[in-house]
PDB file of N, CA and C in Angstrom:
ATOM      1  N   MET A   1     177.347  63.840  58.746  1.00  0.00           N
ATOM      2  CA  MET A   1     177.282  64.534  57.483  1.00  0.00           C
ATOM      3  C   MET A   1     176.317  63.816  56.535  1.00  0.00           C
ATOM      4  N   ALA A   2     175.784  64.529  55.584  1.00  0.00           N
ATOM      5  CA  ALA A   2     174.671  64.045  54.772  1.00  0.00           C
ATOM      6  C   ALA A   2     175.098  63.140  53.624  1.00  0.00           C
ATOM      7  N   GLU A   3     174.355  62.080  53.462  1.00  0.00           N
ATOM      8  CA  GLU A   3     174.429  61.226  52.277  1.00  0.00           C
ATOM      9  C   GLU A   3     173.143  61.476  51.488  1.00  0.00           C
ATOM     10  N   TRP A   4     173.063  60.963  50.261  1.00  0.00           N
ATOM     11  CA  TRP A   4     171.911  61.230  49.410  1.00  0.00           C
ATOM     12  C   TRP A   4     170.604  60.807  50.070  1.00  0.00           C
ATOM     13  N   ASP A   5     170.531  59.604  50.640  1.00  0.00           N
ATOM     14  CA  ASP A   5     169.289  59.132  51.268  1.00  0.00           C
ATOM     15  C   ASP A   5     168.876  60.035  52.426  1.00  0.00           C
ATOM     16  N   ASP A   6     169.845  60.563  53.166  1.00  0.00           N
ATOM     17  CA  ASP A   6     169.551  61.505  54.246  1.00  0.00           C
ATOM     18  C   ASP A   6     168.935  62.785  53.693  1.00  0.00           C
ATOM     19  N   LEU A   7     169.480  63.260  52.582  1.00  0.00           N
ATOM     20  CA  LEU A   7     168.966  64.483  51.962  1.00  0.00           C
ATOM     21  C   LEU A   7     167.552  64.272  51.439  1.00  0.00           C
ATOM     22  N   VAL A   8     167.289  63.118  50.830  1.00  0.00           N
ATOM     23  CA  VAL A   8     165.935  62.813  50.342  1.00  0.00           C
ATOM     24  C   VAL A   8     164.948  62.835  51.505  1.00  0.00           C
ATOM     25  N   ALA A   9     165.292  62.207  52.613  1.00  0.00           N
ATOM     26  CA  ALA A   9     164.415  62.200  53.787  1.00  0.00           C
ATOM     27  C   ALA A   9     164.218  63.618  54.325  1.00  0.00           C
ATOM     28  N   PHE A  10     165.274  64.407  54.357  1.00  0.00           N
ATOM     29  CA  PHE A  10     165.211  65.797  54.804  1.00  0.00           C
ATOM     30  C   PHE A  10     164.227  66.592  53.946  1.00  0.00           C
ATOM     31  N   VAL A  11     164.312  66.450  52.634  1.00  0.00           N
ATOM     32  CA  VAL A  11     163.431  67.173  51.715  1.00  0.00           C
ATOM     33  C   VAL A  11     161.993  66.704  51.877  1.00  0.00           C
ATOM     34  N   ARG A  12     161.774  65.405  51.977  1.00  0.00           N
ATOM     35  CA  ARG A  12     160.417  64.861  52.106  1.00  0.00           C
ATOM     36  C   ARG A  12     159.706  65.362  53.366  1.00  0.00           C
ATOM     37  N   VAL A  13     160.440  65.533  54.455  1.00  0.00           N
ATOM     38  CA  VAL A  13     159.849  65.998  55.709  1.00  0.00           C
ATOM     39  C   VAL A  13     159.482  67.479  55.626  1.00  0.00           C
ATOM     40  N   ARG A  14     160.278  68.272  54.922  1.00  0.00           N
ATOM     41  CA  ARG A  14     160.103  69.721  54.930  1.00  0.00           C
ATOM     42  C   ARG A  14     159.276  70.285  53.780  1.00  0.00           C
ATOM     43  N   TYR A  15     159.241  69.598  52.662  1.00  0.00           N
ATOM     44  CA  TYR A  15     158.606  70.149  51.466  1.00  0.00           C
ATOM     45  C   TYR A  15     157.654  69.128  50.841  1.00  0.00           C
ATOM     46  N   GLU A  16     156.666  69.644  50.121  1.00  0.00           N
ATOM     47  CA  GLU A  16     155.757  68.774  49.394  1.00  0.00           C
ATOM     48  C   GLU A  16     156.388  68.446  48.035  1.00  0.00           C
ATOM     49  N   ILE A  17     156.684  67.197  47.819  1.00  0.00           N
ATOM     50  CA  ILE A  17     157.321  66.757  46.583  1.00  0.00           C
ATOM     51  C   ILE A  17     156.285  66.775  45.457  1.00  0.00           C
ATOM     52  N   MET A  18     156.595  67.495  44.390  1.00  0.00           N
ATOM     53  CA  MET A  18     155.720  67.567  43.219  1.00  0.00           C
ATOM     54  C   MET A  18     155.934  66.371  42.315  1.00  0.00           C
ATOM     55  N   ARG A  19     157.208  65.965  42.223  1.00  0.00           N
ATOM     56  CA  ARG A  19     157.576  64.897  41.298  1.00  0.00           C
ATOM     57  C   ARG A  19     158.901  64.301  41.738  1.00  0.00           C
ATOM     58  N   GLN A  20     159.024  62.987  41.555  1.00  0.00           N
ATOM     59  CA  GLN A  20     160.299  62.316  41.772  1.00  0.00           C
ATOM     60  C   GLN A  20     160.543  61.414  40.581  1.00  0.00           C
ATOM     61  N   VAL A  21     161.628  61.704  39.863  1.00  0.00           N
ATOM     62  CA  VAL A  21     161.969  60.946  38.664  1.00  0.00           C
ATOM     63  C   VAL A  21     163.440  60.575  38.743  1.00  0.00           C
ATOM     64  N   GLY A  22     163.728  59.278  38.734  1.00  0.00           N
ATOM     65  CA  GLY A  22     165.113  58.816  38.696  1.00  0.00           C
ATOM     66  C   GLY A  22     166.007  59.427  39.760  1.00  0.00           C
ATOM     67  N   GLY A  23     165.512  59.570  40.967  1.00  0.00           N
ATOM     68  CA  GLY A  23     166.319  60.132  42.032  1.00  0.00           C
ATOM     69  C   GLY A  23     166.248  61.642  42.139  1.00  0.00           C
ATOM     70  N   GLU A  24     165.711  62.315  41.125  1.00  0.00           N
ATOM     71  CA  GLU A  24     165.583  63.775  41.168  1.00  0.00           C
ATOM     72  C   GLU A  24     164.274  64.143  41.840  1.00  0.00           C
ATOM     73  N   LEU A  25     164.347  65.051  42.797  1.00  0.00           N
ATOM     74  CA  LEU A  25     163.161  65.523  43.514  1.00  0.00           C
ATOM     75  C   LEU A  25     162.807  66.931  43.048  1.00  0.00           C
ATOM     76  N   TRP A  26     161.519  67.162  42.778  1.00  0.00           N
ATOM     77  CA  TRP A  26     161.030  68.477  42.381  1.00  0.00           C
ATOM     78  C   TRP A  26     160.039  68.953  43.442  1.00  0.00           C
ATOM     79  N   PHE A  27     160.214  70.187  43.892  1.00  0.00           N
ATOM     80  CA  PHE A  27     159.289  70.773  44.843  1.00  0.00           C
ATOM     81  C   PHE A  27     159.231  72.278  44.598  1.00  0.00           C
ATOM     82  N   ARG A  28     158.284  72.937  45.242  1.00  0.00           N
ATOM     83  CA  ARG A  28     158.072  74.368  45.032  1.00  0.00           C
ATOM     84  C   ARG A  28     158.296  75.090  46.361  1.00  0.00           C
ATOM     85  N   LEU A  29     158.982  76.241  46.279  1.00  0.00           N
ATOM     86  CA  LEU A  29     159.224  77.059  47.469  1.00  0.00           C
ATOM     87  C   LEU A  29     158.661  78.461  47.246  1.00  0.00           C
ATOM     88  N   PRO A  30     158.114  79.067  48.284  1.00  0.00           N
ATOM     89  CA  PRO A  30     157.674  80.461  48.167  1.00  0.00           C
ATOM     90  C   PRO A  30     158.897  81.372  48.117  1.00  0.00           C
ATOM     91  N   THR A  31     158.770  82.491  47.413  1.00  0.00           N
ATOM     92  CA  THR A  31     159.871  83.454  47.363  1.00  0.00           C
ATOM     93  C   THR A  31     159.394  84.764  47.980  1.00  0.00           C
ATOM     94  N   ARG A  32     158.850  85.668  47.185  1.00  0.00           N
ATOM     95  CA  ARG A  32     158.395  86.961  47.698  1.00  0.00           C
ATOM     96  C   ARG A  32     157.147  87.389  46.938  1.00  0.00           C
ATOM     97  N   ASP A  33     156.374  88.267  47.526  1.00  0.00           N
ATOM     98  CA  ASP A  33     155.184  88.825  46.872  1.00  0.00           C
ATOM     99  C   ASP A  33     154.276  87.746  46.294  1.00  0.00           C
ATOM    100  N   ASP A  34     154.021  86.703  47.045  1.00  0.00           N
ATOM    101  CA  ASP A  34     153.151  85.595  46.622  1.00  0.00           C
ATOM    102  C   ASP A  34     153.673  84.842  45.402  1.00  0.00           C
ATOM    103  N   ARG A  35     154.952  84.988  45.112  1.00  0.00           N
ATOM    104  CA  ARG A  35     155.571  84.245  44.020  1.00  0.00           C
ATOM    105  C   ARG A  35     156.104  82.921  44.564  1.00  0.00           C
ATOM    106  N   THR A  36     156.204  81.933  43.686  1.00  0.00           N
ATOM    107  CA  THR A  36     156.798  80.656  44.052  1.00  0.00           C
ATOM    108  C   THR A  36     157.816  80.270  42.990  1.00  0.00           C
ATOM    109  N   GLN A  37     158.649  79.317  43.321  1.00  0.00           N
ATOM    110  CA  GLN A  37     159.692  78.899  42.390  1.00  0.00           C
ATOM    111  C   GLN A  37     159.882  77.396  42.520  1.00  0.00           C
ATOM    112  N   ILE A  38     159.979  76.721  41.392  1.00  0.00           N
ATOM    113  CA  ILE A  38     160.269  75.292  41.369  1.00  0.00           C
ATOM    114  C   ILE A  38     161.755  75.090  41.634  1.00  0.00           C
ATOM    115  N   VAL A  39     162.067  74.087  42.425  1.00  0.00           N
ATOM    116  CA  VAL A  39     163.459  73.711  42.668  1.00  0.00           C
ATOM    117  C   VAL A  39     163.567  72.205  42.482  1.00  0.00           C
ATOM    118  N   ALA A  40     164.671  71.783  41.923  1.00  0.00           N
ATOM    119  CA  ALA A  40     164.942  70.355  41.755  1.00  0.00           C
ATOM    120  C   ALA A  40     166.306  70.065  42.367  1.00  0.00           C
ATOM    121  N   VAL A  41     166.427  68.898  42.979  1.00  0.00           N
ATOM    122  CA  VAL A  41     167.710  68.472  43.523  1.00  0.00           C
ATOM    123  C   VAL A  41     167.945  67.033  43.063  1.00  0.00           C
ATOM    124  N   ARG A  42     169.185  66.766  42.668  1.00  0.00           N
ATOM    125  CA  ARG A  42     169.528  65.426  42.193  1.00  0.00           C
ATOM    126  C   ARG A  42     170.957  65.092  42.568  1.00  0.00           C
ATOM    127  N   PRO A  43     171.240  63.805  42.693  1.00  0.00           N
ATOM    128  CA  PRO A  43     172.612  63.415  42.999  1.00  0.00           C
ATOM    129  C   PRO A  43     173.464  63.434  41.732  1.00  0.00           C
ATOM    130  N   VAL A  44     174.681  63.907  41.840  1.00  0.00           N
ATOM    131  CA  VAL A  44     175.634  63.887  40.725  1.00  0.00           C
ATOM    132  C   VAL A  44     177.002  63.497  41.279  1.00  0.00           C
ATOM    133  N   THR A  45     177.861  63.058  40.389  1.00  0.00           N
ATOM    134  CA  THR A  45     179.244  62.785  40.759  1.00  0.00           C
ATOM    135  C   THR A  45     180.086  63.921  40.225  1.00  0.00           C
ATOM    136  N   GLY A  46     180.852  64.529  41.110  1.00  0.00           N
ATOM    137  CA  GLY A  46     181.668  65.674  40.724  1.00  0.00           C
ATOM    138  C   GLY A  46     182.918  65.271  39.980  1.00  0.00           C
ATOM    139  N   GLU A  47     183.603  66.265  39.444  1.00  0.00           N
ATOM    140  CA  GLU A  47     184.873  66.037  38.771  1.00  0.00           C
ATOM    141  C   GLU A  47     185.893  65.417  39.718  1.00  0.00           C
ATOM    142  N   ASP A  48     185.639  65.547  41.022  1.00  0.00           N
ATOM    143  CA  ASP A  48     186.522  64.965  42.034  1.00  0.00           C
ATOM    144  C   ASP A  48     186.143  63.526  42.381  1.00  0.00           C
ATOM    145  N   ASP A  49     185.182  62.945  41.629  1.00  0.00           N
ATOM    146  CA  ASP A  49     184.669  61.587  41.837  1.00  0.00           C
ATOM    147  C   ASP A  49     183.947  61.407  43.171  1.00  0.00           C
ATOM    148  N   HIS A  50     183.509  62.492  43.784  1.00  0.00           N
ATOM    149  CA  HIS A  50     182.754  62.426  45.030  1.00  0.00           C
ATOM    150  C   HIS A  50     181.297  62.783  44.764  1.00  0.00           C
ATOM    151  N   PRO A  51     180.378  62.322  45.616  1.00  0.00           N
ATOM    152  CA  PRO A  51     178.960  62.635  45.430  1.00  0.00           C
ATOM    153  C   PRO A  51     178.627  64.074  45.815  1.00  0.00           C
ATOM    154  N   TRP A  52     177.805  64.684  45.003  1.00  0.00           N
ATOM    155  CA  TRP A  52     177.331  66.043  45.214  1.00  0.00           C
ATOM    156  C   TRP A  52     175.809  66.061  45.060  1.00  0.00           C
ATOM    157  N   ALA A  53     175.166  67.072  45.619  1.00  0.00           N
ATOM    158  CA  ALA A  53     173.758  67.351  45.364  1.00  0.00           C
ATOM    159  C   ALA A  53     173.703  68.584  44.476  1.00  0.00           C
ATOM    160  N   GLN A  54     173.062  68.445  43.320  1.00  0.00           N
ATOM    161  CA  GLN A  54     172.941  69.566  42.385  1.00  0.00           C
ATOM    162  C   GLN A  54     171.534  70.140  42.510  1.00  0.00           C
ATOM    163  N   ILE A  55     171.459  71.439  42.761  1.00  0.00           N
ATOM    164  CA  ILE A  55     170.194  72.139  42.972  1.00  0.00           C
ATOM    165  C   ILE A  55     169.968  73.068  41.786  1.00  0.00           C
ATOM    166  N   THR A  56     168.796  72.975  41.149  1.00  0.00           N
ATOM    167  CA  THR A  56     168.486  73.847  40.011  1.00  0.00           C
ATOM    168  C   THR A  56     167.102  74.461  40.174  1.00  0.00           C
ATOM    169  N   SER A  57     166.936  75.611  39.531  1.00  0.00           N
ATOM    170  CA  SER A  57     165.638  76.261  39.478  1.00  0.00           C
ATOM    171  C   SER A  57     165.540  76.998  38.146  1.00  0.00           C
ATOM    172  N   PRO A  58     164.415  76.836  37.435  1.00  0.00           N
ATOM    173  CA  PRO A  58     164.287  77.446  36.114  1.00  0.00           C
ATOM    174  C   PRO A  58     164.097  78.957  36.160  1.00  0.00           C
ATOM    175  N   VAL A  59     164.654  79.608  35.132  1.00  0.00           N
ATOM    176  CA  VAL A  59     164.518  81.052  34.970  1.00  0.00           C
ATOM    177  C   VAL A  59     163.581  81.359  33.808  1.00  0.00           C
ATOM    178  N   GLY A  60     163.718  80.631  32.714  1.00  0.00           N
ATOM    179  CA  GLY A  60     162.862  80.841  31.542  1.00  0.00           C
ATOM    180  C   GLY A  60     163.444  80.156  30.328  1.00  0.00           C
ATOM    181  N   ARG A  61     162.757  80.277  29.216  1.00  0.00           N
ATOM    182  CA  ARG A  61     163.220  79.683  27.951  1.00  0.00           C
ATOM    183  C   ARG A  61     164.360  80.526  27.394  1.00  0.00           C
ATOM    184  N   ALA A  62     165.404  79.849  26.951  1.00  0.00           N
ATOM    185  CA  ALA A  62     166.589  80.542  26.420  1.00  0.00           C
ATOM    186  C   ALA A  62     166.221  81.455  25.251  1.00  0.00           C
ATOM    187  N   ALA A  63     165.279  81.032  24.436  1.00  0.00           N
ATOM    188  CA  ALA A  63     164.878  81.823  23.266  1.00  0.00           C
ATOM    189  C   ALA A  63     164.174  83.128  23.645  1.00  0.00           C
ATOM    190  N   ASP A  64     163.662  83.185  24.885  1.00  0.00           N
ATOM    191  CA  ASP A  64     162.893  84.351  25.321  1.00  0.00           C
ATOM    192  C   ASP A  64     163.675  85.288  26.243  1.00  0.00           C
ATOM    193  N   ILE A  65     164.936  84.969  26.503  1.00  0.00           N
ATOM    194  CA  ILE A  65     165.720  85.723  27.480  1.00  0.00           C
ATOM    195  C   ILE A  65     166.925  86.370  26.810  1.00  0.00           C
ATOM    196  N   ASP A  66     167.262  87.562  27.255  1.00  0.00           N
ATOM    197  CA  ASP A  66     168.507  88.209  26.848  1.00  0.00           C
ATOM    198  C   ASP A  66     169.631  87.490  27.583  1.00  0.00           C
ATOM    199  N   LEU A  67     170.292  86.556  26.896  1.00  0.00           N
ATOM    200  CA  LEU A  67     171.284  85.696  27.540  1.00  0.00           C
ATOM    201  C   LEU A  67     172.505  86.469  28.030  1.00  0.00           C
ATOM    202  N   ALA A  68     172.916  87.500  27.323  1.00  0.00           N
ATOM    203  CA  ALA A  68     174.045  88.307  27.789  1.00  0.00           C
ATOM    204  C   ALA A  68     173.699  88.979  29.113  1.00  0.00           C
ATOM    205  N   ARG A  69     172.494  89.520  29.209  1.00  0.00           N
ATOM    206  CA  ARG A  69     172.045  90.141  30.464  1.00  0.00           C
ATOM    207  C   ARG A  69     171.919  89.092  31.561  1.00  0.00           C
ATOM    208  N   MET A  70     171.446  87.899  31.203  1.00  0.00           N
ATOM    209  CA  MET A  70     171.324  86.810  32.164  1.00  0.00           C
ATOM    210  C   MET A  70     172.680  86.484  32.787  1.00  0.00           C
ATOM    211  N   LEU A  71     173.702  86.383  31.953  1.00  0.00           N
ATOM    212  CA  LEU A  71     175.032  86.068  32.455  1.00  0.00           C
ATOM    213  C   LEU A  71     175.568  87.175  33.361  1.00  0.00           C
ATOM    214  N   GLU A  72     175.307  88.418  32.997  1.00  0.00           N
ATOM    215  CA  GLU A  72     175.735  89.533  33.843  1.00  0.00           C
ATOM    216  C   GLU A  72     175.071  89.459  35.221  1.00  0.00           C
ATOM    217  N   LEU A  73     173.769  89.242  35.238  1.00  0.00           N
ATOM    218  CA  LEU A  73     173.037  89.182  36.497  1.00  0.00           C
ATOM    219  C   LEU A  73     173.453  87.966  37.324  1.00  0.00           C
ATOM    220  N   ALA A  74     173.612  86.829  36.689  1.00  0.00           N
ATOM    221  CA  ALA A  74     174.024  85.615  37.398  1.00  0.00           C
ATOM    222  C   ALA A  74     175.426  85.774  37.974  1.00  0.00           C
ATOM    223  N   GLY A  75     176.268  86.529  37.282  1.00  0.00           N
ATOM    224  CA  GLY A  75     177.627  86.760  37.743  1.00  0.00           C
ATOM    225  C   GLY A  75     177.711  87.572  39.019  1.00  0.00           C
ATOM    226  N   GLU A  76     176.633  88.247  39.386  1.00  0.00           N
ATOM    227  CA  GLU A  76     176.598  89.035  40.619  1.00  0.00           C
ATOM    228  C   GLU A  76     176.333  88.174  41.851  1.00  0.00           C
ATOM    229  N   CYS A  77     175.945  86.922  41.646  1.00  0.00           N
ATOM    230  CA  CYS A  77     175.565  86.039  42.746  1.00  0.00           C
ATOM    231  C   CYS A  77     176.795  85.467  43.431  1.00  0.00           C
ATOM    232  N   VAL A  78     176.679  85.254  44.742  1.00  0.00           N
ATOM    233  CA  VAL A  78     177.790  84.755  45.538  1.00  0.00           C
ATOM    234  C   VAL A  78     178.098  83.293  45.239  1.00  0.00           C
ATOM    235  N   ALA A  79     177.105  82.525  44.843  1.00  0.00           N
ATOM    236  CA  ALA A  79     177.303  81.095  44.563  1.00  0.00           C
ATOM    237  C   ALA A  79     176.386  80.682  43.429  1.00  0.00           C
ATOM    238  N   GLY A  80     176.773  79.652  42.719  1.00  0.00           N
ATOM    239  CA  GLY A  80     175.945  79.138  41.642  1.00  0.00           C
ATOM    240  C   GLY A  80     176.239  79.807  40.320  1.00  0.00           C
ATOM    241  N   GLY A  81     175.491  79.412  39.305  1.00  0.00           N
ATOM    242  CA  GLY A  81     175.672  79.973  37.984  1.00  0.00           C
ATOM    243  C   GLY A  81     174.520  79.595  37.073  1.00  0.00           C
ATOM    244  N   ALA A  82     174.532  80.157  35.879  1.00  0.00           N
ATOM    245  CA  ALA A  82     173.470  79.921  34.904  1.00  0.00           C
ATOM    246  C   ALA A  82     173.911  78.887  33.889  1.00  0.00           C
ATOM    247  N   VAL A  83     172.978  78.011  33.525  1.00  0.00           N
ATOM    248  CA  VAL A  83     173.210  77.004  32.494  1.00  0.00           C
ATOM    249  C   VAL A  83     171.959  76.927  31.626  1.00  0.00           C
ATOM    250  N   ALA A  84     172.118  76.371  30.438  1.00  0.00           N
ATOM    251  CA  ALA A  84     170.973  76.101  29.568  1.00  0.00           C
ATOM    252  C   ALA A  84     170.911  74.599  29.324  1.00  0.00           C
ATOM    253  N   VAL A  85     169.732  74.025  29.543  1.00  0.00           N
ATOM    254  CA  VAL A  85     169.510  72.595  29.345  1.00  0.00           C
ATOM    255  C   VAL A  85     168.206  72.435  28.579  1.00  0.00           C
ATOM    256  N   ASP A  86     168.278  71.802  27.420  1.00  0.00           N
ATOM    257  CA  ASP A  86     167.088  71.563  26.594  1.00  0.00           C
ATOM    258  C   ASP A  86     166.286  72.836  26.338  1.00  0.00           C
ATOM    259  N   GLY A  87     166.983  73.935  26.094  1.00  0.00           N
ATOM    260  CA  GLY A  87     166.326  75.196  25.769  1.00  0.00           C
ATOM    261  C   GLY A  87     165.816  75.973  26.967  1.00  0.00           C
ATOM    262  N   LEU A  88     166.042  75.468  28.169  1.00  0.00           N
ATOM    263  CA  LEU A  88     165.590  76.135  29.379  1.00  0.00           C
ATOM    264  C   LEU A  88     166.800  76.663  30.146  1.00  0.00           C
ATOM    265  N   VAL A  89     166.731  77.926  30.579  1.00  0.00           N
ATOM    266  CA  VAL A  89     167.805  78.517  31.381  1.00  0.00           C
ATOM    267  C   VAL A  89     167.518  78.202  32.846  1.00  0.00           C
ATOM    268  N   LEU A  90     168.537  77.684  33.522  1.00  0.00           N
ATOM    269  CA  LEU A  90     168.422  77.319  34.928  1.00  0.00           C
ATOM    270  C   LEU A  90     169.476  78.047  35.736  1.00  0.00           C
ATOM    271  N   PHE A  91     169.153  78.345  36.991  1.00  0.00           N
ATOM    272  CA  PHE A  91     170.185  78.769  37.926  1.00  0.00           C
ATOM    273  C   PHE A  91     170.544  77.516  38.703  1.00  0.00           C
ATOM    274  N   ARG A  92     171.843  77.246  38.868  1.00  0.00           N
ATOM    275  CA  ARG A  92     172.285  75.970  39.437  1.00  0.00           C
ATOM    276  C   ARG A  92     173.403  76.172  40.449  1.00  0.00           C
ATOM    277  N   HIS A  93     173.363  75.363  41.482  1.00  0.00           N
ATOM    278  CA  HIS A  93     174.387  75.362  42.526  1.00  0.00           C
ATOM    279  C   HIS A  93     174.551  73.918  42.991  1.00  0.00           C
ATOM    280  N   SER A  94     175.752  73.524  43.364  1.00  0.00           N
ATOM    281  CA  SER A  94     175.991  72.168  43.847  1.00  0.00           C
ATOM    282  C   SER A  94     176.683  72.209  45.201  1.00  0.00           C
ATOM    283  N   ILE A  95     176.371  71.209  46.028  1.00  0.00           N
ATOM    284  CA  ILE A  95     176.932  71.102  47.370  1.00  0.00           C
ATOM    285  C   ILE A  95     177.465  69.683  47.541  1.00  0.00           C
ATOM    286  N   PRO A  96     178.660  69.538  48.105  1.00  0.00           N
ATOM    287  CA  PRO A  96     179.197  68.192  48.296  1.00  0.00           C
ATOM    288  C   PRO A  96     178.422  67.429  49.368  1.00  0.00           C
ATOM    289  N   LEU A  97     178.026  66.217  49.040  1.00  0.00           N
ATOM    290  CA  LEU A  97     177.433  65.334  50.040  1.00  0.00           C
ATOM    291  C   LEU A  97     178.565  64.785  50.899  1.00  0.00           C
ATOM    292  N   GLY A  98     178.268  64.442  52.114  1.00  0.00           N
ATOM    293  CA  GLY A  98     179.286  63.899  52.994  1.00  0.00           C
ATOM    294  C   GLY A  98     180.097  64.966  53.702  1.00  0.00           C
ATOM    295  N   ASP A  99     180.135  66.177  53.146  1.00  0.00           N
ATOM    296  CA  ASP A  99     180.875  67.277  53.767  1.00  0.00           C
ATOM    297  C   ASP A  99     179.939  68.320  54.371  1.00  0.00           C
ATOM    298  N   THR A 100     178.645  68.172  54.138  1.00  0.00           N
ATOM    299  CA  THR A 100     177.685  69.202  54.499  1.00  0.00           C
ATOM    300  C   THR A 100     176.629  68.633  55.438  1.00  0.00           C
ATOM    301  N   ALA A 101     176.335  69.362  56.506  1.00  0.00           N
ATOM    302  CA  ALA A 101     175.253  68.974  57.410  1.00  0.00           C
ATOM    303  C   ALA A 101     173.921  69.231  56.713  1.00  0.00           C
ATOM    304  N   LEU A 102     172.913  68.460  57.062  1.00  0.00           N
ATOM    305  CA  LEU A 102     171.610  68.578  56.404  1.00  0.00           C
ATOM    306  C   LEU A 102     171.039  69.984  56.451  1.00  0.00           C
ATOM    307  N   ASP A 103     171.187  70.696  57.563  1.00  0.00           N
ATOM    308  CA  ASP A 103     170.602  72.028  57.635  1.00  0.00           C
ATOM    309  C   ASP A 103     171.276  73.013  56.686  1.00  0.00           C
ATOM    310  N   GLY A 104     172.449  72.684  56.173  1.00  0.00           N
ATOM    311  CA  GLY A 104     173.114  73.525  55.181  1.00  0.00           C
ATOM    312  C   GLY A 104     172.419  73.502  53.830  1.00  0.00           C
ATOM    313  N   PHE A 105     171.636  72.471  53.561  1.00  0.00           N
ATOM    314  CA  PHE A 105     170.955  72.366  52.277  1.00  0.00           C
ATOM    315  C   PHE A 105     169.783  73.326  52.176  1.00  0.00           C
ATOM    316  N   ASP A 106     169.089  73.549  53.276  1.00  0.00           N
ATOM    317  CA  ASP A 106     167.947  74.457  53.231  1.00  0.00           C
ATOM    318  C   ASP A 106     168.384  75.847  52.801  1.00  0.00           C
ATOM    319  N   ARG A 107     169.494  76.309  53.318  1.00  0.00           N
ATOM    320  CA  ARG A 107     170.020  77.632  52.933  1.00  0.00           C
ATOM    321  C   ARG A 107     170.352  77.664  51.443  1.00  0.00           C
ATOM    322  N   SER A 108     170.938  76.588  50.944  1.00  0.00           N
ATOM    323  CA  SER A 108     171.276  76.529  49.519  1.00  0.00           C
ATOM    324  C   SER A 108     170.030  76.467  48.645  1.00  0.00           C
ATOM    325  N   PHE A 109     169.005  75.719  49.075  1.00  0.00           N
ATOM    326  CA  PHE A 109     167.743  75.696  48.325  1.00  0.00           C
ATOM    327  C   PHE A 109     167.187  77.110  48.226  1.00  0.00           C
ATOM    328  N   ARG A 110     167.171  77.814  49.342  1.00  0.00           N
ATOM    329  CA  ARG A 110     166.637  79.186  49.368  1.00  0.00           C
ATOM    330  C   ARG A 110     167.443  80.114  48.471  1.00  0.00           C
ATOM    331  N   LEU A 111     168.753  80.003  48.521  1.00  0.00           N
ATOM    332  CA  LEU A 111     169.604  80.850  47.680  1.00  0.00           C
ATOM    333  C   LEU A 111     169.283  80.622  46.204  1.00  0.00           C
ATOM    334  N   VAL A 112     169.205  79.381  45.787  1.00  0.00           N
ATOM    335  CA  VAL A 112     168.949  79.067  44.377  1.00  0.00           C
ATOM    336  C   VAL A 112     167.586  79.589  43.942  1.00  0.00           C
ATOM    337  N   VAL A 113     166.539  79.335  44.722  1.00  0.00           N
ATOM    338  CA  VAL A 113     165.211  79.767  44.282  1.00  0.00           C
ATOM    339  C   VAL A 113     165.060  81.282  44.334  1.00  0.00           C
ATOM    340  N   GLU A 114     165.667  81.927  45.304  1.00  0.00           N
ATOM    341  CA  GLU A 114     165.555  83.385  45.366  1.00  0.00           C
ATOM    342  C   GLU A 114     166.271  84.049  44.198  1.00  0.00           C
ATOM    343  N   VAL A 115     167.446  83.547  43.848  1.00  0.00           N
ATOM    344  CA  VAL A 115     168.172  84.097  42.696  1.00  0.00           C
ATOM    345  C   VAL A 115     167.405  83.799  41.407  1.00  0.00           C
ATOM    346  N   ALA A 116     166.959  82.556  41.229  1.00  0.00           N
ATOM    347  CA  ALA A 116     166.224  82.198  40.008  1.00  0.00           C
ATOM    348  C   ALA A 116     164.947  83.025  39.879  1.00  0.00           C
ATOM    349  N   ASP A 117     164.234  83.216  40.969  1.00  0.00           N
ATOM    350  CA  ASP A 117     163.008  84.018  40.924  1.00  0.00           C
ATOM    351  C   ASP A 117     163.310  85.466  40.560  1.00  0.00           C
ATOM    352  N   ARG A 118     164.363  86.023  41.158  1.00  0.00           N
ATOM    353  CA  ARG A 118     164.742  87.410  40.845  1.00  0.00           C
ATOM    354  C   ARG A 118     165.122  87.541  39.371  1.00  0.00           C
ATOM    355  N   LEU A 119     165.895  86.578  38.866  1.00  0.00           N
ATOM    356  CA  LEU A 119     166.294  86.603  37.455  1.00  0.00           C
ATOM    357  C   LEU A 119     165.078  86.442  36.548  1.00  0.00           C
ATOM    358  N   GLU A 120     164.193  85.505  36.891  1.00  0.00           N
ATOM    359  CA  GLU A 120     162.978  85.299  36.099  1.00  0.00           C
ATOM    360  C   GLU A 120     162.147  86.580  36.054  1.00  0.00           C
ATOM    361  N   HIS A 121     161.962  87.205  37.213  1.00  0.00           N
ATOM    362  CA  HIS A 121     161.166  88.428  37.272  1.00  0.00           C
ATOM    363  C   HIS A 121     161.808  89.547  36.453  1.00  0.00           C
ATOM    364  N   GLU A 122     163.124  89.720  36.602  1.00  0.00           N
ATOM    365  CA  GLU A 122     163.811  90.801  35.898  1.00  0.00           C
ATOM    366  C   GLU A 122     163.891  90.556  34.391  1.00  0.00           C
ATOM    367  N   LEU A 123     164.109  89.315  33.999  1.00  0.00           N
ATOM    368  CA  LEU A 123     164.327  89.023  32.574  1.00  0.00           C
ATOM    369  C   LEU A 123     163.049  88.717  31.794  1.00  0.00           C
ATOM    370  N   THR A 124     162.011  88.209  32.488  1.00  0.00           N
ATOM    371  CA  THR A 124     160.794  87.839  31.773  1.00  0.00           C
ATOM    372  C   THR A 124     159.566  88.586  32.276  1.00  0.00           C
ATOM    373  N   GLY A 125     159.629  89.099  33.497  1.00  0.00           N
ATOM    374  CA  GLY A 125     158.469  89.792  34.068  1.00  0.00           C
ATOM    375  C   GLY A 125     157.366  88.846  34.483  1.00  0.00           C
ATOM    376  N   SER A 126     157.617  87.532  34.446  1.00  0.00           N
ATOM    377  CA  SER A 126     156.565  86.569  34.766  1.00  0.00           C
ATOM    378  C   SER A 126     156.926  85.728  35.981  1.00  0.00           C
ATOM    379  N   ASP A 127     156.019  84.832  36.325  1.00  0.00           N
ATOM    380  CA  ASP A 127     156.230  83.883  37.425  1.00  0.00           C
ATOM    381  C   ASP A 127     155.722  82.522  36.965  1.00  0.00           C
ATOM    382  N   GLU A 128     156.358  82.000  35.931  1.00  0.00           N
ATOM    383  CA  GLU A 128     155.908  80.730  35.368  1.00  0.00           C
ATOM    384  C   GLU A 128     156.574  79.535  36.014  1.00  0.00           C
ATOM    385  N   HIS A 129     157.713  79.739  36.631  1.00  0.00           N
ATOM    386  CA  HIS A 129     158.479  78.603  37.149  1.00  0.00           C
ATOM    387  C   HIS A 129     158.558  78.682  38.640  1.00  0.00           C
TER     388      HIS A 129
END
């Protein structure tokens, strides 16, 4: 089962890292129609005191988005949710480290970026993130 260092190695082999800051890795994934989406993954400690990997992808600036509509659309997703951090709306999902095989992370990365891209497209009409 995956530990943080295993996940970092997994990401480095499969994706081109755009930035690494304080353990957080940023990379870009293709979505659809020549669109791409930034994804970030970082280690966090859950409320259960166990290590988790938190995956985020930006949707847009909170000031530019209909937040009520954002919550409705995010609520339709099978996993993850919407948060606002420093004025930026993100779609976020977390996976427990130690309980998940490495190949399970790729599916979660794809889920987060596909949902964030769909929300960004529907709510802003752009492809900035």
